[in-house]
Amino acid sequence: MRVLFAGTPRFGVPTLEALLRSDHQVTGVLTMPDRPKGRGRSLQPPPAKKSGLEAGLPVFQPEKLLRKNFEATLRSSGVDIVVVIAYGKILRPWFLQIPRLGCVNVHASLLPRHRGPSPIEASILAGDEMTGITTMLIDEGVDTGDMLLRMETPIDRQETAGELADRLAQTGAELLIETLDRMERGNCPREGQDHSRATHAPMLTREDGHIDWHDDADAIVRRVRAMNPRPVAWTESYRGDLRIFRASALPDKGEAGKILAADARSGLLIAAGNGAVRLEEIQLPGKRRMEAGALLAGTPFPVGRLLADKA
């Protein structure tokens, strides 16, 4: 089949690479425009663009996916199907109606649970034991279309969102190829979603990473895992906002937010609403990201003080 790939971040690259290895013909890559990044704010291409150009594919980067600008291009390419994975734009009805077999989305959750742009983070925050990939036909709603194939996988209790995303990216690539092959043969299952069971995973902001020390220790650790690599969990401290990349829950008790231990062996141990949280990899303003023990060697935190107490 002739396939147009629509995707932007690194998460979709394994799917694009799998398509290029398959018997299907990739006609081009539809992705977001280059964006300024880094301290120099120089324009950087999205990962999908890099992979597309390396494969010698046409790359389309419209700032706005307008019918008057792109319909002719899409029709002339004669695509049978559009594969969408974290593209970053909502596809309008005119677009959905052009491919002969429609548009297939690779979604990183077991739909209808965790619809929206942040399903991986939402699954960790919710304490789900299982997640997976769902391929689905795109309709005019947000992740509301009919499901095609699903593949489940357990979530490890120490796994960060970034680590889980890397695993699911490979799973998604495998499942997408199976989906296309079965669609081509005419034996791919199709099932409507139970909308009454749907949950939503909205776009994350910096505030989603804020730690409330009155929460249970397990919930705080899940937030740390879910916010790694972005937007990163953080908490106020008397030394400035403290970014937290890795942490673990312990049964110690104390006043929520109080420093219970601060040494190379224990790390930085903070009391939570129930239990305590050992901060294992952290970053203070103006310093590099490091193991808590290494930071504490040159930056002491007094035991018994509230972490955010600036007095």
C-alpha atoms as a PDB file:
ATOM      1  CA  MET A   1       0.000   0.000   0.000  1.00  0.00           C
ATOM      2  CA  ARG A   2       1.015   3.614  -0.499  1.00  0.00           C
ATOM      3  CA  VAL A   3       1.429   5.179   2.954  1.00  0.00           C
ATOM      4  CA  LEU A   4       1.924   8.766   4.092  1.00  0.00           C
ATOM      5  CA  PHE A   5       3.581   8.968   7.514  1.00  0.00           C
ATOM      6  CA  ALA A   6       2.449  11.791   9.826  1.00  0.00           C
ATOM      7  CA  GLY A   7       4.512  12.158  13.002  1.00  0.00           C
ATOM      8  CA  THR A   8       6.928  14.466  14.755  1.00  0.00           C
ATOM      9  CA  PRO A   9       8.862  13.307  17.888  1.00  0.00           C
ATOM     10  CA  ARG A  10      11.337  10.497  18.425  1.00  0.00           C
ATOM     11  CA  PHE A  11       8.487   8.252  19.586  1.00  0.00           C
ATOM     12  CA  GLY A  12       7.293   7.844  16.002  1.00  0.00           C
ATOM     13  CA  VAL A  13      10.668   7.177  14.382  1.00  0.00           C
ATOM     14  CA  PRO A  14      10.681   3.383  14.981  1.00  0.00           C
ATOM     15  CA  THR A  15       7.293   3.210  13.226  1.00  0.00           C
ATOM     16  CA  LEU A  16       8.617   5.164  10.239  1.00  0.00           C
ATOM     17  CA  GLU A  17      11.693   2.938  10.093  1.00  0.00           C
ATOM     18  CA  ALA A  18       9.504  -0.184  10.263  1.00  0.00           C
ATOM     19  CA  LEU A  19       7.385   1.150   7.387  1.00  0.00           C
ATOM     20  CA  LEU A  20      10.526   1.707   5.321  1.00  0.00           C
ATOM     21  CA  ARG A  21      11.567  -1.923   5.912  1.00  0.00           C
ATOM     22  CA  SER A  22       8.110  -3.258   5.085  1.00  0.00           C
ATOM     23  CA  ASP A  23       6.529  -4.140   1.742  1.00  0.00           C
ATOM     24  CA  HIS A  24       4.523  -0.915   1.855  1.00  0.00           C
ATOM     25  CA  GLN A  25       5.612   2.223   0.005  1.00  0.00           C
ATOM     26  CA  VAL A  26       6.126   5.372   2.065  1.00  0.00           C
ATOM     27  CA  THR A  27       5.208   8.362  -0.091  1.00  0.00           C
ATOM     28  CA  GLY A  28       6.414  11.064   2.292  1.00  0.00           C
ATOM     29  CA  VAL A  29       6.583  12.455   5.820  1.00  0.00           C
ATOM     30  CA  LEU A  30       4.151  15.012   7.210  1.00  0.00           C
ATOM     31  CA  THR A  31       5.599  16.641  10.322  1.00  0.00           C
ATOM     32  CA  MET A  32       5.686  19.838  12.350  1.00  0.00           C
ATOM     33  CA  PRO A  33       7.884  22.811  11.330  1.00  0.00           C
ATOM     34  CA  ASP A  34      11.392  23.215  12.675  1.00  0.00           C
ATOM     35  CA  ARG A  35      11.392  24.872  16.097  1.00  0.00           C
ATOM     36  CA  PRO A  36      14.020  26.919  18.001  1.00  0.00           C
ATOM     37  CA  LYS A  37      15.746  24.920  20.720  1.00  0.00           C
ATOM     38  CA  GLY A  38      18.690  25.151  23.066  1.00  0.00           C
ATOM     39  CA  ARG A  39      20.440  28.170  24.502  1.00  0.00           C
ATOM     40  CA  GLY A  40      21.152  29.570  21.060  1.00  0.00           C
ATOM     41  CA  ARG A  41      17.491  29.116  20.039  1.00  0.00           C
ATOM     42  CA  SER A  42      18.573  27.860  16.620  1.00  0.00           C
ATOM     43  CA  LEU A  43      15.995  26.072  14.483  1.00  0.00           C
ATOM     44  CA  GLN A  44      16.070  22.305  14.951  1.00  0.00           C
ATOM     45  CA  PRO A  45      14.285  19.763  12.742  1.00  0.00           C
ATOM     46  CA  PRO A  46      11.924  17.258  14.384  1.00  0.00           C
ATOM     47  CA  PRO A  47      13.223  13.667  14.590  1.00  0.00           C
ATOM     48  CA  ALA A  48      10.711  12.432  11.990  1.00  0.00           C
ATOM     49  CA  LYS A  49      12.021  14.962   9.485  1.00  0.00           C
ATOM     50  CA  LYS A  50      15.602  13.790  10.002  1.00  0.00           C
ATOM     51  CA  SER A  51      14.626  10.171   9.403  1.00  0.00           C
ATOM     52  CA  GLY A  52      12.542  11.071   6.364  1.00  0.00           C
ATOM     53  CA  LEU A  53      15.316  13.060   4.731  1.00  0.00           C
ATOM     54  CA  GLU A  54      17.851  10.305   5.426  1.00  0.00           C
ATOM     55  CA  ALA A  55      15.526   7.911   3.607  1.00  0.00           C
ATOM     56  CA  GLY A  56      15.205  10.305   0.665  1.00  0.00           C
ATOM     57  CA  LEU A  57      11.508  10.966   1.264  1.00  0.00           C
ATOM     58  CA  PRO A  58       9.591  14.170   0.530  1.00  0.00           C
ATOM     59  CA  VAL A  59       8.979  16.040   3.804  1.00  0.00           C
ATOM     60  CA  PHE A  60       6.010  18.357   4.337  1.00  0.00           C
ATOM     61  CA  GLN A  61       6.029  20.842   7.247  1.00  0.00           C
ATOM     62  CA  PRO A  62       2.987  23.122   6.997  1.00  0.00           C
ATOM     63  CA  GLU A  63       2.550  25.550   9.880  1.00  0.00           C
ATOM     64  CA  LYS A  64      -1.185  25.161   9.316  1.00  0.00           C
ATOM     65  CA  LEU A  65      -2.650  22.112   7.615  1.00  0.00           C
ATOM     66  CA  LEU A  66      -5.016  24.066   5.383  1.00  0.00           C
ATOM     67  CA  ARG A  67      -7.183  22.431   2.747  1.00  0.00           C
ATOM     68  CA  LYS A  68      -6.324  25.025   0.104  1.00  0.00           C
ATOM     69  CA  ASN A  69      -2.599  24.403   0.589  1.00  0.00           C
ATOM     70  CA  PHE A  70      -2.373  20.636   1.052  1.00  0.00           C
ATOM     71  CA  GLU A  71      -5.409  18.881  -0.448  1.00  0.00           C
ATOM     72  CA  ALA A  72      -3.980  18.776  -3.969  1.00  0.00           C
ATOM     73  CA  THR A  73      -0.674  17.390  -2.691  1.00  0.00           C
ATOM     74  CA  LEU A  74      -2.417  14.669  -0.707  1.00  0.00           C
ATOM     75  CA  ARG A  75      -4.694  13.662  -3.579  1.00  0.00           C
ATOM     76  CA  SER A  76      -1.909  13.613  -6.157  1.00  0.00           C
ATOM     77  CA  SER A  77       0.189  11.281  -4.001  1.00  0.00           C
ATOM     78  CA  GLY A  78      -2.473   8.594  -4.345  1.00  0.00           C
ATOM     79  CA  VAL A  79      -2.049   7.372  -0.787  1.00  0.00           C
ATOM     80  CA  ASP A  80      -4.060   4.382   0.376  1.00  0.00           C
ATOM     81  CA  ILE A  81      -3.631   5.179   4.046  1.00  0.00           C
ATOM     82  CA  VAL A  82      -2.118   7.776   6.375  1.00  0.00           C
ATOM     83  CA  VAL A  83      -0.278   6.526   9.477  1.00  0.00           C
ATOM     84  CA  VAL A  84      -0.423   9.042  12.332  1.00  0.00           C
ATOM     85  CA  ILE A  85       1.734   8.828  15.429  1.00  0.00           C
ATOM     86  CA  ALA A  86       2.154  11.895  17.665  1.00  0.00           C
ATOM     87  CA  TYR A  87       1.900  14.288  14.712  1.00  0.00           C
ATOM     88  CA  GLY A  88       0.768  17.251  16.819  1.00  0.00           C
ATOM     89  CA  LYS A  89      -2.192  18.529  14.801  1.00  0.00           C
ATOM     90  CA  ILE A  90      -5.849  17.541  14.619  1.00  0.00           C
ATOM     91  CA  LEU A  91      -6.745  16.191  11.175  1.00  0.00           C
ATOM     92  CA  ARG A  92      -9.831  17.834   9.721  1.00  0.00           C
ATOM     93  CA  PRO A  93     -12.681  15.916   8.019  1.00  0.00           C
ATOM     94  CA  TRP A  94     -11.521  16.860   4.502  1.00  0.00           C
ATOM     95  CA  PHE A  95      -8.140  15.268   5.227  1.00  0.00           C
ATOM     96  CA  LEU A  96      -9.606  12.082   6.741  1.00  0.00           C
ATOM     97  CA  GLN A  97     -11.778  11.450   3.703  1.00  0.00           C
ATOM     98  CA  ILE A  98      -8.994  11.426   1.090  1.00  0.00           C
ATOM     99  CA  PRO A  99      -6.968   8.238   1.831  1.00  0.00           C
ATOM    100  CA  ARG A 100      -8.739   5.165   0.427  1.00  0.00           C
ATOM    101  CA  LEU A 101      -8.520   3.256   3.720  1.00  0.00           C
ATOM    102  CA  GLY A 102      -8.561   6.250   6.039  1.00  0.00           C
ATOM    103  CA  CYS A 103      -6.053   7.346   8.675  1.00  0.00           C
ATOM    104  CA  VAL A 104      -4.656   4.944  11.283  1.00  0.00           C
ATOM    105  CA  ASN A 105      -3.348   6.229  14.597  1.00  0.00           C
ATOM    106  CA  VAL A 106      -0.780   4.490  16.804  1.00  0.00           C
ATOM    107  CA  HIS A 107      -1.832   5.423  20.347  1.00  0.00           C
ATOM    108  CA  ALA A 108       0.226   4.676  23.468  1.00  0.00           C
ATOM    109  CA  SER A 109      -2.512   3.365  25.756  1.00  0.00           C
ATOM    110  CA  LEU A 110      -5.181   0.690  25.930  1.00  0.00           C
ATOM    111  CA  LEU A 111      -8.081   2.737  24.644  1.00  0.00           C
ATOM    112  CA  PRO A 112     -10.503   4.045  25.703  1.00  0.00           C
ATOM    113  CA  ARG A 113      -8.306   4.642  28.759  1.00  0.00           C
ATOM    114  CA  HIS A 114      -6.039   7.702  28.563  1.00  0.00           C
ATOM    115  CA  ARG A 115      -7.177   9.433  25.418  1.00  0.00           C
ATOM    116  CA  GLY A 116      -5.239  12.595  24.623  1.00  0.00           C
ATOM    117  CA  PRO A 117      -1.638  13.745  24.181  1.00  0.00           C
ATOM    118  CA  SER A 118      -0.086  12.362  27.412  1.00  0.00           C
ATOM    119  CA  PRO A 119      -1.206   8.712  27.745  1.00  0.00           C
ATOM    120  CA  ILE A 120       2.142   7.343  28.912  1.00  0.00           C
ATOM    121  CA  GLU A 121       2.488   9.851  31.738  1.00  0.00           C
ATOM    122  CA  ALA A 122      -1.164   9.379  32.696  1.00  0.00           C
ATOM    123  CA  SER A 123      -0.786   5.610  32.989  1.00  0.00           C
ATOM    124  CA  ILE A 124       2.123   6.014  35.423  1.00  0.00           C
ATOM    125  CA  LEU A 125       0.383   8.733  37.449  1.00  0.00           C
ATOM    126  CA  ALA A 126      -2.714   6.538  37.799  1.00  0.00           C
ATOM    127  CA  GLY A 127      -0.667   3.598  39.049  1.00  0.00           C
ATOM    128  CA  ASP A 128      -1.783   1.368  36.164  1.00  0.00           C
ATOM    129  CA  GLU A 129      -0.160  -2.033  36.192  1.00  0.00           C
ATOM    130  CA  MET A 130      -0.669  -2.545  32.455  1.00  0.00           C
ATOM    131  CA  THR A 131      -0.535  -0.319  29.402  1.00  0.00           C
ATOM    132  CA  GLY A 132       0.057  -0.896  25.736  1.00  0.00           C
ATOM    133  CA  ILE A 133      -0.518   0.238  22.177  1.00  0.00           C
ATOM    134  CA  THR A 134      -3.812   0.563  20.331  1.00  0.00           C
ATOM    135  CA  THR A 135      -4.072   1.089  16.595  1.00  0.00           C
ATOM    136  CA  MET A 136      -7.288   2.858  15.668  1.00  0.00           C
ATOM    137  CA  LEU A 137      -9.061   4.531  12.768  1.00  0.00           C
ATOM    138  CA  ILE A 138      -9.123   8.297  13.231  1.00  0.00           C
ATOM    139  CA  ASP A 139     -12.487  10.012  13.250  1.00  0.00           C
ATOM    140  CA  GLU A 140     -13.412  13.621  14.006  1.00  0.00           C
ATOM    141  CA  GLY A 141     -13.065  13.176  17.789  1.00  0.00           C
ATOM    142  CA  VAL A 142      -9.924  12.993  19.938  1.00  0.00           C
ATOM    143  CA  ASP A 143      -8.870   9.326  20.053  1.00  0.00           C
ATOM    144  CA  THR A 144     -12.506   8.229  19.738  1.00  0.00           C
ATOM    145  CA  GLY A 145     -12.293   6.159  16.542  1.00  0.00           C
ATOM    146  CA  ASP A 146     -12.792   2.419  16.136  1.00  0.00           C
ATOM    147  CA  MET A 147     -10.005   0.240  17.531  1.00  0.00           C
ATOM    148  CA  LEU A 148      -8.126  -2.163  15.271  1.00  0.00           C
ATOM    149  CA  LEU A 149      -5.393  -4.045  17.163  1.00  0.00           C
ATOM    150  CA  ARG A 150      -4.115  -3.843  20.759  1.00  0.00           C
ATOM    151  CA  MET A 151      -0.949  -5.090  22.437  1.00  0.00           C
ATOM    152  CA  GLU A 152      -0.497  -5.035  26.238  1.00  0.00           C
ATOM    153  CA  THR A 153       2.637  -4.718  28.344  1.00  0.00           C
ATOM    154  CA  PRO A 154       3.210  -4.405  32.120  1.00  0.00           C
ATOM    155  CA  ILE A 155       4.575  -1.173  33.612  1.00  0.00           C
ATOM    156  CA  ASP A 156       7.662  -1.670  35.748  1.00  0.00           C
ATOM    157  CA  ARG A 157       7.433   0.040  39.159  1.00  0.00           C
ATOM    158  CA  GLN A 158      10.715   1.906  38.562  1.00  0.00           C
ATOM    159  CA  GLU A 159      10.097   2.786  34.910  1.00  0.00           C
ATOM    160  CA  THR A 160      10.072   6.459  33.924  1.00  0.00           C
ATOM    161  CA  ALA A 161       7.830   7.879  31.226  1.00  0.00           C
ATOM    162  CA  GLY A 162      10.825   8.192  28.927  1.00  0.00           C
ATOM    163  CA  GLU A 163      11.837   4.567  29.425  1.00  0.00           C
ATOM    164  CA  LEU A 164       8.279   3.349  28.916  1.00  0.00           C
ATOM    165  CA  ALA A 165       7.942   5.498  25.787  1.00  0.00           C
ATOM    166  CA  ASP A 166      11.048   3.883  24.294  1.00  0.00           C
ATOM    167  CA  ARG A 167       9.550   0.437  24.851  1.00  0.00           C
ATOM    168  CA  LEU A 168       6.139   1.390  23.517  1.00  0.00           C
ATOM    169  CA  ALA A 169       7.683   3.001  20.437  1.00  0.00           C
ATOM    170  CA  GLN A 170       9.052  -0.400  19.414  1.00  0.00           C
ATOM    171  CA  THR A 171       5.761  -2.123  20.254  1.00  0.00           C
ATOM    172  CA  GLY A 172       3.871   0.467  18.232  1.00  0.00           C
ATOM    173  CA  ALA A 173       6.060  -0.104  15.192  1.00  0.00           C
ATOM    174  CA  GLU A 174       5.419  -3.861  15.279  1.00  0.00           C
ATOM    175  CA  LEU A 175       1.686  -3.477  15.806  1.00  0.00           C
ATOM    176  CA  LEU A 176       1.316  -0.886  13.054  1.00  0.00           C
ATOM    177  CA  ILE A 177       2.884  -3.156  10.435  1.00  0.00           C
ATOM    178  CA  GLU A 178       0.639  -6.026  11.513  1.00  0.00           C
ATOM    179  CA  THR A 179      -2.348  -3.674  11.309  1.00  0.00           C
ATOM    180  CA  LEU A 180      -1.515  -2.545   7.773  1.00  0.00           C
ATOM    181  CA  ASP A 181      -0.844  -6.080   6.585  1.00  0.00           C
ATOM    182  CA  ARG A 182      -4.189  -7.251   7.924  1.00  0.00           C
ATOM    183  CA  MET A 183      -6.010  -4.248   6.481  1.00  0.00           C
ATOM    184  CA  GLU A 184      -4.508  -5.033   3.088  1.00  0.00           C
ATOM    185  CA  ARG A 185      -5.687  -8.658   3.368  1.00  0.00           C
ATOM    186  CA  GLY A 186      -9.112  -7.502   4.534  1.00  0.00           C
ATOM    187  CA  ASN A 187      -9.057  -9.422   7.837  1.00  0.00           C
ATOM    188  CA  CYS A 188      -8.248  -6.682  10.375  1.00  0.00           C
ATOM    189  CA  PRO A 189     -10.723  -6.586  13.288  1.00  0.00           C
ATOM    190  CA  ARG A 190     -12.566  -3.358  14.043  1.00  0.00           C
ATOM    191  CA  GLU A 191     -14.274  -2.548  17.336  1.00  0.00           C
ATOM    192  CA  GLY A 192     -16.005   0.566  18.602  1.00  0.00           C
ATOM    193  CA  GLN A 193     -14.839   2.072  21.892  1.00  0.00           C
ATOM    194  CA  ASP A 194     -16.902   2.054  25.066  1.00  0.00           C
ATOM    195  CA  HIS A 195     -17.003   5.823  25.536  1.00  0.00           C
ATOM    196  CA  SER A 196     -18.378   5.461  29.075  1.00  0.00           C
ATOM    197  CA  ARG A 197     -14.983   4.040  30.154  1.00  0.00           C
ATOM    198  CA  ALA A 198     -12.909   6.798  28.595  1.00  0.00           C
ATOM    199  CA  THR A 199     -10.403   8.867  30.555  1.00  0.00           C
ATOM    200  CA  HIS A 200      -8.486  11.903  29.287  1.00  0.00           C
ATOM    201  CA  ALA A 201      -4.744  12.597  29.446  1.00  0.00           C
ATOM    202  CA  PRO A 202      -4.261  16.333  28.756  1.00  0.00           C
ATOM    203  CA  MET A 203      -1.071  18.054  27.681  1.00  0.00           C
ATOM    204  CA  LEU A 204       1.313  18.387  30.621  1.00  0.00           C
ATOM    205  CA  THR A 205       2.562  21.699  31.988  1.00  0.00           C
ATOM    206  CA  ARG A 206       5.275  22.591  34.489  1.00  0.00           C
ATOM    207  CA  GLU A 207       2.660  22.732  37.258  1.00  0.00           C
ATOM    208  CA  ASP A 208       1.869  19.043  36.716  1.00  0.00           C
ATOM    209  CA  GLY A 209       5.359  18.317  38.019  1.00  0.00           C
ATOM    210  CA  HIS A 210       4.855  20.161  41.315  1.00  0.00           C
ATOM    211  CA  ILE A 211       5.210  17.887  44.350  1.00  0.00           C
ATOM    212  CA  ASP A 212       2.737  18.159  47.215  1.00  0.00           C
ATOM    213  CA  TRP A 213       4.415  16.551  50.218  1.00  0.00           C
ATOM    214  CA  HIS A 214       1.035  15.822  51.804  1.00  0.00           C
ATOM    215  CA  ASP A 215       0.454  13.176  49.110  1.00  0.00           C
ATOM    216  CA  ASP A 216       1.332   9.537  49.759  1.00  0.00           C
ATOM    217  CA  ALA A 217       4.961   8.631  49.108  1.00  0.00           C
ATOM    218  CA  ASP A 218       3.969   6.158  46.375  1.00  0.00           C
ATOM    219  CA  ALA A 219       1.944   8.836  44.556  1.00  0.00           C
ATOM    220  CA  ILE A 220       4.852  11.274  44.744  1.00  0.00           C
ATOM    221  CA  VAL A 221       7.257   8.705  43.305  1.00  0.00           C
ATOM    222  CA  ARG A 222       4.816   7.975  40.476  1.00  0.00           C
ATOM    223  CA  ARG A 223       4.736  11.707  39.708  1.00  0.00           C
ATOM    224  CA  VAL A 224       8.517  11.825  39.589  1.00  0.00           C
ATOM    225  CA  ARG A 225       8.570   8.870  37.177  1.00  0.00           C
ATOM    226  CA  ALA A 226       5.763  10.278  35.029  1.00  0.00           C
ATOM    227  CA  MET A 227       7.446  13.691  34.657  1.00  0.00           C
ATOM    228  CA  ASN A 228      10.814  12.249  33.569  1.00  0.00           C
ATOM    229  CA  PRO A 229      12.089  13.359  31.050  1.00  0.00           C
ATOM    230  CA  ARG A 230       9.616  16.266  30.808  1.00  0.00           C
ATOM    231  CA  PRO A 231       8.345  18.506  32.260  1.00  0.00           C
ATOM    232  CA  VAL A 232      10.300  17.137  35.309  1.00  0.00           C
ATOM    233  CA  ALA A 233       8.992  16.920  38.864  1.00  0.00           C
ATOM    234  CA  TRP A 234       9.979  19.751  41.198  1.00  0.00           C
ATOM    235  CA  THR A 235       9.491  21.085  44.692  1.00  0.00           C
ATOM    236  CA  GLU A 236      10.193  24.311  46.506  1.00  0.00           C
ATOM    237  CA  SER A 237      13.236  24.241  48.758  1.00  0.00           C
ATOM    238  CA  TYR A 238      14.985  26.899  50.771  1.00  0.00           C
ATOM    239  CA  ARG A 239      17.848  26.596  48.255  1.00  0.00           C
ATOM    240  CA  GLY A 240      15.568  27.242  45.286  1.00  0.00           C
ATOM    241  CA  ASP A 241      13.282  25.026  43.223  1.00  0.00           C
ATOM    242  CA  LEU A 242      14.620  21.488  43.346  1.00  0.00           C
ATOM    243  CA  ARG A 243      14.128  19.335  40.231  1.00  0.00           C
ATOM    244  CA  ILE A 244      13.676  15.607  40.887  1.00  0.00           C
ATOM    245  CA  PHE A 245      14.509  12.957  38.300  1.00  0.00           C
ATOM    246  CA  ARG A 246      14.502   9.756  40.354  1.00  0.00           C
ATOM    247  CA  ALA A 247      13.072   8.859  43.755  1.00  0.00           C
ATOM    248  CA  SER A 248      11.836   5.906  45.800  1.00  0.00           C
ATOM    249  CA  ALA A 249       9.274   5.425  48.541  1.00  0.00           C
ATOM    250  CA  LEU A 250      10.188   4.329  52.076  1.00  0.00           C
ATOM    251  CA  PRO A 251       8.059   3.602  55.189  1.00  0.00           C
ATOM    252  CA  ASP A 252       9.697   6.324  57.353  1.00  0.00           C
ATOM    253  CA  LYS A 253       7.309   8.849  58.877  1.00  0.00           C
ATOM    254  CA  GLY A 254       7.405  12.501  59.868  1.00  0.00           C
ATOM    255  CA  GLU A 255       5.831  15.876  59.269  1.00  0.00           C
ATOM    256  CA  ALA A 256       5.035  16.266  55.562  1.00  0.00           C
ATOM    257  CA  GLY A 257       7.851  18.109  53.815  1.00  0.00           C
ATOM    258  CA  LYS A 258      10.387  17.702  56.642  1.00  0.00           C
ATOM    259  CA  ILE A 259      13.954  16.567  55.922  1.00  0.00           C
ATOM    260  CA  LEU A 260      14.427  13.214  57.685  1.00  0.00           C
ATOM    261  CA  ALA A 261      17.924  12.401  56.412  1.00  0.00           C
ATOM    262  CA  ALA A 262      20.521  14.047  54.180  1.00  0.00           C
ATOM    263  CA  ASP A 263      23.685  12.047  53.614  1.00  0.00           C
ATOM    264  CA  ALA A 264      25.458  10.055  50.924  1.00  0.00           C
ATOM    265  CA  ARG A 265      23.968   6.730  52.111  1.00  0.00           C
ATOM    266  CA  SER A 266      20.360   7.812  52.619  1.00  0.00           C
ATOM    267  CA  GLY A 267      20.191  10.480  49.948  1.00  0.00           C
ATOM    268  CA  LEU A 268      17.788  13.297  50.654  1.00  0.00           C
ATOM    269  CA  LEU A 269      14.872  11.752  52.566  1.00  0.00           C
ATOM    270  CA  ILE A 270      11.687  13.833  52.823  1.00  0.00           C
ATOM    271  CA  ALA A 271       8.575  12.942  54.829  1.00  0.00           C
ATOM    272  CA  ALA A 272       5.341  12.621  52.873  1.00  0.00           C
ATOM    273  CA  GLY A 273       1.698  12.480  53.939  1.00  0.00           C
ATOM    274  CA  ASN A 274       2.114   8.729  54.302  1.00  0.00           C
ATOM    275  CA  GLY A 275       5.655   7.341  54.248  1.00  0.00           C
ATOM    276  CA  ALA A 276       8.729   9.160  52.979  1.00  0.00           C
ATOM    277  CA  VAL A 277      10.453   9.794  49.657  1.00  0.00           C
ATOM    278  CA  ARG A 278      14.159   9.351  49.044  1.00  0.00           C
ATOM    279  CA  LEU A 279      15.321  11.791  46.377  1.00  0.00           C
ATOM    280  CA  GLU A 280      18.009   9.991  44.413  1.00  0.00           C
ATOM    281  CA  GLU A 281      18.762  12.172  41.381  1.00  0.00           C
ATOM    282  CA  ILE A 282      18.184  15.920  41.676  1.00  0.00           C
ATOM    283  CA  GLN A 283      19.162  19.336  40.377  1.00  0.00           C
ATOM    284  CA  LEU A 284      19.370  22.743  42.046  1.00  0.00           C
ATOM    285  CA  PRO A 285      19.283  26.060  40.142  1.00  0.00           C
ATOM    286  CA  GLY A 286      22.628  26.754  38.503  1.00  0.00           C
ATOM    287  CA  LYS A 287      23.924  23.238  39.138  1.00  0.00           C
ATOM    288  CA  ARG A 288      24.056  20.155  36.979  1.00  0.00           C
ATOM    289  CA  ARG A 289      21.799  17.155  37.415  1.00  0.00           C
ATOM    290  CA  MET A 290      23.470  14.704  39.804  1.00  0.00           C
ATOM    291  CA  GLU A 291      23.052  11.927  42.327  1.00  0.00           C
ATOM    292  CA  ALA A 292      21.698  13.247  45.607  1.00  0.00           C
ATOM    293  CA  GLY A 293      24.703  11.966  47.554  1.00  0.00           C
ATOM    294  CA  ALA A 294      27.098  13.914  45.328  1.00  0.00           C
ATOM    295  CA  LEU A 295      25.063  17.110  45.687  1.00  0.00           C
ATOM    296  CA  LEU A 296      24.829  16.727  49.463  1.00  0.00           C
ATOM    297  CA  ALA A 297      28.621  16.439  49.725  1.00  0.00           C
ATOM    298  CA  GLY A 298      28.933  20.107  48.815  1.00  0.00           C
ATOM    299  CA  THR A 299      25.455  21.405  49.612  1.00  0.00           C
ATOM    300  CA  PRO A 300      24.194  20.320  53.027  1.00  0.00           C
ATOM    301  CA  PHE A 301      20.505  20.134  53.907  1.00  0.00           C
ATOM    302  CA  PRO A 302      19.873  20.285  57.690  1.00  0.00           C
ATOM    303  CA  VAL A 303      17.884  17.339  59.064  1.00  0.00           C
ATOM    304  CA  GLY A 304      14.695  18.328  60.880  1.00  0.00           C
ATOM    305  CA  ARG A 305      14.034  21.410  58.771  1.00  0.00           C
ATOM    306  CA  LEU A 306      11.073  21.733  56.399  1.00  0.00           C
ATOM    307  CA  LEU A 307      12.467  21.509  52.885  1.00  0.00           C
ATOM    308  CA  ALA A 308      10.658  24.662  51.745  1.00  0.00           C
ATOM    309  CA  ASP A 309      11.164  26.631  54.988  1.00  0.00           C
ATOM    310  CA  LYS A 310      13.191  29.715  54.042  1.00  0.00           C
ATOM    311  CA  ALA A 311      13.374  31.054  57.592  1.00  0.00           C
END
